[in-house]
Amino acid sequence: MDREGSNRIGSYLRQVDKLSLARFGLSFTAMQADVEDAAGIQVAREMRSGMAPDSFVDLLFRTFPFRSPGSGGEAVATANLGMLALATFARSADGWGVGPDGGAYRQDAGGVDRISYGTDRTGTAVGFACARAEGATLGHGPDGKLVPPAADAFVPVAGALDIGDAVDLYERTLAAAHGGPSPR
């Protein structure tokens, strides 16, 4: 890439960062690798296609269920990073999809699994919680997006600070409850 092209991308990226920080509490560069992995959105390609920086940030908002900072500031930015991690996980793991609330969902013969991001009951520890809705099914709206069961259908099963640890603990807990290997 020539110097002029690098300068154009750099300028575009600075504009996207500023808009993204104002809208989500995160700069785009802080989440760029995850965004590209989870959704294939690439800033250089979008810039070359003529997409304006504000339209690029709108695309991020339509693709990921980010929250706006409002008065939440750092807590909302942290939650947005958690939702992005869930989206990356869901798009790379077999059978998982992202719901409109930012949670990851998976359907199996016996019900629906959910992984969500948030704080514990004390409101101090942040991590990933796994829950199960026995006998429930995932739907799809007219737009093709997942329609999960109601939140109160889910029973908490396990949680951890890391997604992988939360899923492993969840699988082991379900296997023990069913008296054998995990049904997945």
C-alpha atoms as a PDB file:
ATOM      1  CA  MET A   1       0.000   0.000   0.000  1.00  0.00           C
ATOM      2  CA  ASP A   2       1.365   3.424  -0.898  1.00  0.00           C
ATOM      3  CA  ARG A   3       1.778   6.303   1.538  1.00  0.00           C
ATOM      4  CA  GLU A   4      -1.341   8.111   0.277  1.00  0.00           C
ATOM      5  CA  GLY A   5      -3.441   4.976   0.772  1.00  0.00           C
ATOM      6  CA  SER A   6      -2.055   4.509   4.286  1.00  0.00           C
ATOM      7  CA  ASN A   7      -2.844   8.128   5.134  1.00  0.00           C
ATOM      8  CA  ARG A   8      -6.425   7.767   3.829  1.00  0.00           C
ATOM      9  CA  ILE A   9      -7.022   4.609   5.860  1.00  0.00           C
ATOM     10  CA  GLY A  10      -5.437   6.226   8.924  1.00  0.00           C
ATOM     11  CA  SER A  11      -7.651   9.290   8.612  1.00  0.00           C
ATOM     12  CA  TYR A  12     -10.762   7.147   8.045  1.00  0.00           C
ATOM     13  CA  LEU A  13      -9.877   4.939  11.026  1.00  0.00           C
ATOM     14  CA  ARG A  14      -9.428   7.980  13.305  1.00  0.00           C
ATOM     15  CA  GLN A  15     -12.901   9.214  12.312  1.00  0.00           C
ATOM     16  CA  VAL A  16     -14.409   5.755  12.880  1.00  0.00           C
ATOM     17  CA  ASP A  17     -12.652   5.515  16.267  1.00  0.00           C
ATOM     18  CA  LYS A  18     -14.030   8.878  17.377  1.00  0.00           C
ATOM     19  CA  LEU A  19     -17.590   8.015  16.287  1.00  0.00           C
ATOM     20  CA  SER A  20     -17.415   4.502  17.722  1.00  0.00           C
ATOM     21  CA  LEU A  21     -16.115   5.775  21.061  1.00  0.00           C
ATOM     22  CA  ALA A  22     -18.976   8.260  21.285  1.00  0.00           C
ATOM     23  CA  ARG A  23     -21.606   5.682  20.291  1.00  0.00           C
ATOM     24  CA  PHE A  24     -20.408   2.497  22.072  1.00  0.00           C
ATOM     25  CA  GLY A  25     -17.833   3.637  24.613  1.00  0.00           C
ATOM     26  CA  LEU A  26     -15.177   1.716  22.647  1.00  0.00           C
ATOM     27  CA  SER A  27     -12.813   2.759  19.921  1.00  0.00           C
ATOM     28  CA  PHE A  28     -13.055   0.645  16.805  1.00  0.00           C
ATOM     29  CA  THR A  29      -9.350  -0.216  17.025  1.00  0.00           C
ATOM     30  CA  ALA A  30      -9.995  -1.802  20.455  1.00  0.00           C
ATOM     31  CA  MET A  31     -12.445  -4.242  18.878  1.00  0.00           C
ATOM     32  CA  GLN A  32     -11.247  -4.421  15.257  1.00  0.00           C
ATOM     33  CA  ALA A  33      -9.896  -7.994  15.309  1.00  0.00           C
ATOM     34  CA  ASP A  34     -13.052  -9.343  16.971  1.00  0.00           C
ATOM     35  CA  VAL A  35     -15.329  -7.449  14.584  1.00  0.00           C
ATOM     36  CA  GLU A  36     -13.440  -8.775  11.580  1.00  0.00           C
ATOM     37  CA  ASP A  37     -13.440 -12.342  12.972  1.00  0.00           C
ATOM     38  CA  ALA A  38     -17.096 -12.325  14.034  1.00  0.00           C
ATOM     39  CA  ALA A  39     -18.693 -10.578  11.093  1.00  0.00           C
ATOM     40  CA  GLY A  40     -16.103 -10.132   8.379  1.00  0.00           C
ATOM     41  CA  ILE A  41     -16.453  -6.346   8.524  1.00  0.00           C
ATOM     42  CA  GLN A  42     -13.172  -4.844   7.317  1.00  0.00           C
ATOM     43  CA  VAL A  43     -12.538  -1.149   7.655  1.00  0.00           C
ATOM     44  CA  ALA A  44     -10.239  -0.809   4.608  1.00  0.00           C
ATOM     45  CA  ARG A  45     -12.700  -2.624   2.329  1.00  0.00           C
ATOM     46  CA  GLU A  46     -15.635  -0.505   3.527  1.00  0.00           C
ATOM     47  CA  MET A  47     -13.626   2.695   3.121  1.00  0.00           C
ATOM     48  CA  ARG A  48     -12.618   1.732  -0.439  1.00  0.00           C
ATOM     49  CA  SER A  49     -16.269   0.985  -1.237  1.00  0.00           C
ATOM     50  CA  GLY A  50     -17.089   4.610  -0.399  1.00  0.00           C
ATOM     51  CA  MET A  51     -18.823   3.989   2.928  1.00  0.00           C
ATOM     52  CA  ALA A  52     -18.723   7.124   5.097  1.00  0.00           C
ATOM     53  CA  PRO A  53     -17.294   6.724   8.634  1.00  0.00           C
ATOM     54  CA  ASP A  54     -20.696   7.335  10.254  1.00  0.00           C
ATOM     55  CA  SER A  55     -22.265   4.702   7.990  1.00  0.00           C
ATOM     56  CA  PHE A  56     -19.516   2.284   9.011  1.00  0.00           C
ATOM     57  CA  VAL A  57     -20.353   2.835  12.686  1.00  0.00           C
ATOM     58  CA  ASP A  58     -24.057   2.364  11.841  1.00  0.00           C
ATOM     59  CA  LEU A  59     -23.102  -0.965  10.237  1.00  0.00           C
ATOM     60  CA  LEU A  60     -21.394  -2.009  13.470  1.00  0.00           C
ATOM     61  CA  PHE A  61     -24.510  -1.071  15.429  1.00  0.00           C
ATOM     62  CA  ARG A  62     -26.764  -3.082  13.095  1.00  0.00           C
ATOM     63  CA  THR A  63     -24.418  -6.081  13.238  1.00  0.00           C
ATOM     64  CA  PHE A  64     -23.779  -6.192  16.991  1.00  0.00           C
ATOM     65  CA  PRO A  65     -26.246  -5.450  19.810  1.00  0.00           C
ATOM     66  CA  PHE A  66     -24.049  -2.747  21.306  1.00  0.00           C
ATOM     67  CA  ARG A  67     -25.394  -0.434  23.975  1.00  0.00           C
ATOM     68  CA  SER A  68     -24.835   3.303  23.933  1.00  0.00           C
ATOM     69  CA  PRO A  69     -22.795   4.652  26.848  1.00  0.00           C
ATOM     70  CA  GLY A  70     -25.283   7.273  28.068  1.00  0.00           C
ATOM     71  CA  SER A  71     -24.547   7.574  31.765  1.00  0.00           C
ATOM     72  CA  GLY A  72     -23.047   4.059  31.969  1.00  0.00           C
ATOM     73  CA  GLY A  73     -19.612   4.997  30.640  1.00  0.00           C
ATOM     74  CA  GLU A  74     -17.017   2.344  31.418  1.00  0.00           C
ATOM     75  CA  ALA A  75     -19.563  -0.265  32.535  1.00  0.00           C
ATOM     76  CA  VAL A  76     -21.327  -0.077  29.156  1.00  0.00           C
ATOM     77  CA  ALA A  77     -17.999  -0.252  27.303  1.00  0.00           C
ATOM     78  CA  THR A  78     -17.141  -3.392  29.286  1.00  0.00           C
ATOM     79  CA  ALA A  79     -20.563  -4.878  28.513  1.00  0.00           C
ATOM     80  CA  ASN A  80     -20.051  -4.116  24.816  1.00  0.00           C
ATOM     81  CA  LEU A  81     -16.719  -5.953  24.891  1.00  0.00           C
ATOM     82  CA  GLY A  82     -18.478  -8.905  26.530  1.00  0.00           C
ATOM     83  CA  MET A  83     -21.195  -8.929  23.860  1.00  0.00           C
ATOM     84  CA  LEU A  84     -18.547  -8.778  21.154  1.00  0.00           C
ATOM     85  CA  ALA A  85     -16.775 -11.758  22.748  1.00  0.00           C
ATOM     86  CA  LEU A  86     -20.077 -13.666  22.743  1.00  0.00           C
ATOM     87  CA  ALA A  87     -20.681 -12.808  19.090  1.00  0.00           C
ATOM     88  CA  THR A  88     -17.191 -14.012  18.196  1.00  0.00           C
ATOM     89  CA  PHE A  89     -17.748 -17.224  20.162  1.00  0.00           C
ATOM     90  CA  ALA A  90     -21.198 -17.856  18.645  1.00  0.00           C
ATOM     91  CA  ARG A  91     -19.998 -17.355  15.095  1.00  0.00           C
ATOM     92  CA  SER A  92     -17.051 -19.719  15.556  1.00  0.00           C
ATOM     93  CA  ALA A  93     -18.719 -22.512  17.574  1.00  0.00           C
ATOM     94  CA  ASP A  94     -20.989 -25.081  15.942  1.00  0.00           C
ATOM     95  CA  GLY A  95     -24.685 -24.620  16.551  1.00  0.00           C
ATOM     96  CA  TRP A  96     -24.526 -21.266  18.344  1.00  0.00           C
ATOM     97  CA  GLY A  97     -26.116 -18.014  17.187  1.00  0.00           C
ATOM     98  CA  VAL A  98     -26.473 -14.490  18.565  1.00  0.00           C
ATOM     99  CA  GLY A  99     -29.823 -13.305  19.908  1.00  0.00           C
ATOM    100  CA  PRO A 100     -31.161  -9.751  19.850  1.00  0.00           C
ATOM    101  CA  ASP A 101     -30.038  -9.277  23.460  1.00  0.00           C
ATOM    102  CA  GLY A 102     -26.407 -10.092  22.608  1.00  0.00           C
ATOM    103  CA  GLY A 103     -26.580 -13.523  24.230  1.00  0.00           C
ATOM    104  CA  ALA A 104     -25.370 -16.670  22.487  1.00  0.00           C
ATOM    105  CA  TYR A 105     -28.006 -19.389  21.972  1.00  0.00           C
ATOM    106  CA  ARG A 106     -27.961 -23.035  20.918  1.00  0.00           C
ATOM    107  CA  GLN A 107     -30.873 -25.380  20.251  1.00  0.00           C
ATOM    108  CA  ASP A 108     -30.710 -29.107  20.945  1.00  0.00           C
ATOM    109  CA  ALA A 109     -33.303 -31.866  21.209  1.00  0.00           C
ATOM    110  CA  GLY A 110     -34.020 -31.116  24.870  1.00  0.00           C
ATOM    111  CA  GLY A 111     -34.119 -27.335  24.957  1.00  0.00           C
ATOM    112  CA  VAL A 112     -32.145 -24.134  24.499  1.00  0.00           C
ATOM    113  CA  ASP A 113     -28.754 -23.164  25.947  1.00  0.00           C
ATOM    114  CA  ARG A 114     -27.861 -19.518  26.574  1.00  0.00           C
ATOM    115  CA  ILE A 115     -24.625 -17.754  27.425  1.00  0.00           C
ATOM    116  CA  SER A 116     -24.943 -14.169  28.552  1.00  0.00           C
ATOM    117  CA  TYR A 117     -22.515 -11.559  29.749  1.00  0.00           C
ATOM    118  CA  GLY A 118     -23.006  -9.565  32.913  1.00  0.00           C
ATOM    119  CA  THR A 119     -22.286  -9.169  36.571  1.00  0.00           C
ATOM    120  CA  ASP A 120     -22.846 -11.606  39.394  1.00  0.00           C
ATOM    121  CA  ARG A 121     -25.517 -11.162  42.062  1.00  0.00           C
ATOM    122  CA  THR A 122     -23.279  -8.790  44.001  1.00  0.00           C
ATOM    123  CA  GLY A 123     -22.838  -6.594  40.944  1.00  0.00           C
ATOM    124  CA  THR A 124     -19.065  -6.683  41.255  1.00  0.00           C
ATOM    125  CA  ALA A 125     -17.719  -9.665  39.271  1.00  0.00           C
ATOM    126  CA  VAL A 126     -18.127  -9.635  35.504  1.00  0.00           C
ATOM    127  CA  GLY A 127     -18.222 -12.790  33.408  1.00  0.00           C
ATOM    128  CA  PHE A 128     -20.242 -15.260  31.390  1.00  0.00           C
ATOM    129  CA  ALA A 129     -23.306 -17.103  32.674  1.00  0.00           C
ATOM    130  CA  CYS A 130     -24.734 -20.268  31.121  1.00  0.00           C
ATOM    131  CA  ALA A 131     -28.394 -21.138  31.497  1.00  0.00           C
ATOM    132  CA  ARG A 132     -30.795 -23.756  30.157  1.00  0.00           C
ATOM    133  CA  ALA A 133     -34.442 -23.616  29.087  1.00  0.00           C
ATOM    134  CA  GLU A 134     -35.618 -27.255  29.082  1.00  0.00           C
ATOM    135  CA  GLY A 135     -38.207 -28.071  26.430  1.00  0.00           C
ATOM    136  CA  ALA A 136     -37.928 -24.615  24.841  1.00  0.00           C
ATOM    137  CA  THR A 137     -37.227 -23.876  21.191  1.00  0.00           C
ATOM    138  CA  LEU A 138     -35.455 -21.107  19.324  1.00  0.00           C
ATOM    139  CA  GLY A 139     -37.531 -19.288  16.759  1.00  0.00           C
ATOM    140  CA  HIS A 140     -36.618 -17.074  13.851  1.00  0.00           C
ATOM    141  CA  GLY A 141     -38.239 -13.745  13.065  1.00  0.00           C
ATOM    142  CA  PRO A 142     -39.251 -12.591   9.585  1.00  0.00           C
ATOM    143  CA  ASP A 143     -35.814 -10.979   9.290  1.00  0.00           C
ATOM    144  CA  GLY A 144     -34.148 -14.355   9.941  1.00  0.00           C
ATOM    145  CA  LYS A 145     -32.811 -13.319  13.338  1.00  0.00           C
ATOM    146  CA  LEU A 146     -33.016 -15.610  16.340  1.00  0.00           C
ATOM    147  CA  VAL A 147     -35.994 -15.264  18.644  1.00  0.00           C
ATOM    148  CA  PRO A 148     -35.021 -16.867  21.949  1.00  0.00           C
ATOM    149  CA  PRO A 149     -37.410 -18.073  24.643  1.00  0.00           C
ATOM    150  CA  ALA A 150     -38.415 -15.559  27.335  1.00  0.00           C
ATOM    151  CA  ALA A 151     -35.651 -14.767  29.822  1.00  0.00           C
ATOM    152  CA  ASP A 152     -37.611 -16.300  32.709  1.00  0.00           C
ATOM    153  CA  ALA A 153     -37.632 -19.683  30.906  1.00  0.00           C
ATOM    154  CA  PHE A 154     -33.902 -20.059  31.607  1.00  0.00           C
ATOM    155  CA  VAL A 155     -32.478 -21.636  34.744  1.00  0.00           C
ATOM    156  CA  PRO A 156     -28.902 -20.623  35.651  1.00  0.00           C
ATOM    157  CA  VAL A 157     -26.494 -23.557  35.510  1.00  0.00           C
ATOM    158  CA  ALA A 158     -22.892 -22.312  35.550  1.00  0.00           C
ATOM    159  CA  GLY A 159     -20.692 -19.296  35.053  1.00  0.00           C
ATOM    160  CA  ALA A 160     -17.071 -18.176  34.859  1.00  0.00           C
ATOM    161  CA  LEU A 161     -14.925 -15.203  33.905  1.00  0.00           C
ATOM    162  CA  ASP A 162     -13.893 -16.823  30.603  1.00  0.00           C
ATOM    163  CA  ILE A 163     -16.357 -18.050  27.958  1.00  0.00           C
ATOM    164  CA  GLY A 164     -14.529 -21.328  27.458  1.00  0.00           C
ATOM    165  CA  ASP A 165     -14.411 -22.020  31.196  1.00  0.00           C
ATOM    166  CA  ALA A 166     -18.112 -21.182  31.535  1.00  0.00           C
ATOM    167  CA  VAL A 167     -19.071 -23.554  28.704  1.00  0.00           C
ATOM    168  CA  ASP A 168     -16.853 -26.361  30.065  1.00  0.00           C
ATOM    169  CA  LEU A 169     -18.356 -26.027  33.544  1.00  0.00           C
ATOM    170  CA  TYR A 170     -21.855 -25.870  32.036  1.00  0.00           C
ATOM    171  CA  GLU A 171     -21.297 -29.048  30.008  1.00  0.00           C
ATOM    172  CA  ARG A 172     -19.883 -30.897  33.037  1.00  0.00           C
ATOM    173  CA  THR A 173     -22.770 -29.748  35.248  1.00  0.00           C
ATOM    174  CA  LEU A 174     -25.381 -30.899  32.715  1.00  0.00           C
ATOM    175  CA  ALA A 175     -23.592 -34.222  32.232  1.00  0.00           C
ATOM    176  CA  ALA A 176     -23.538 -34.835  35.989  1.00  0.00           C
ATOM    177  CA  ALA A 177     -27.213 -33.918  36.285  1.00  0.00           C
ATOM    178  CA  HIS A 178     -28.080 -36.406  33.534  1.00  0.00           C
ATOM    179  CA  GLY A 179     -25.853 -39.149  34.943  1.00  0.00           C
ATOM    180  CA  GLY A 180     -23.408 -39.414  32.094  1.00  0.00           C
ATOM    181  CA  PRO A 181     -21.604 -37.686  29.270  1.00  0.00           C
ATOM    182  CA  SER A 182     -22.865 -34.336  28.092  1.00  0.00           C
ATOM    183  CA  PRO A 183     -25.826 -34.644  25.689  1.00  0.00           C
ATOM    184  CA  ARG A 184     -23.964 -32.364  23.262  1.00  0.00           C
END
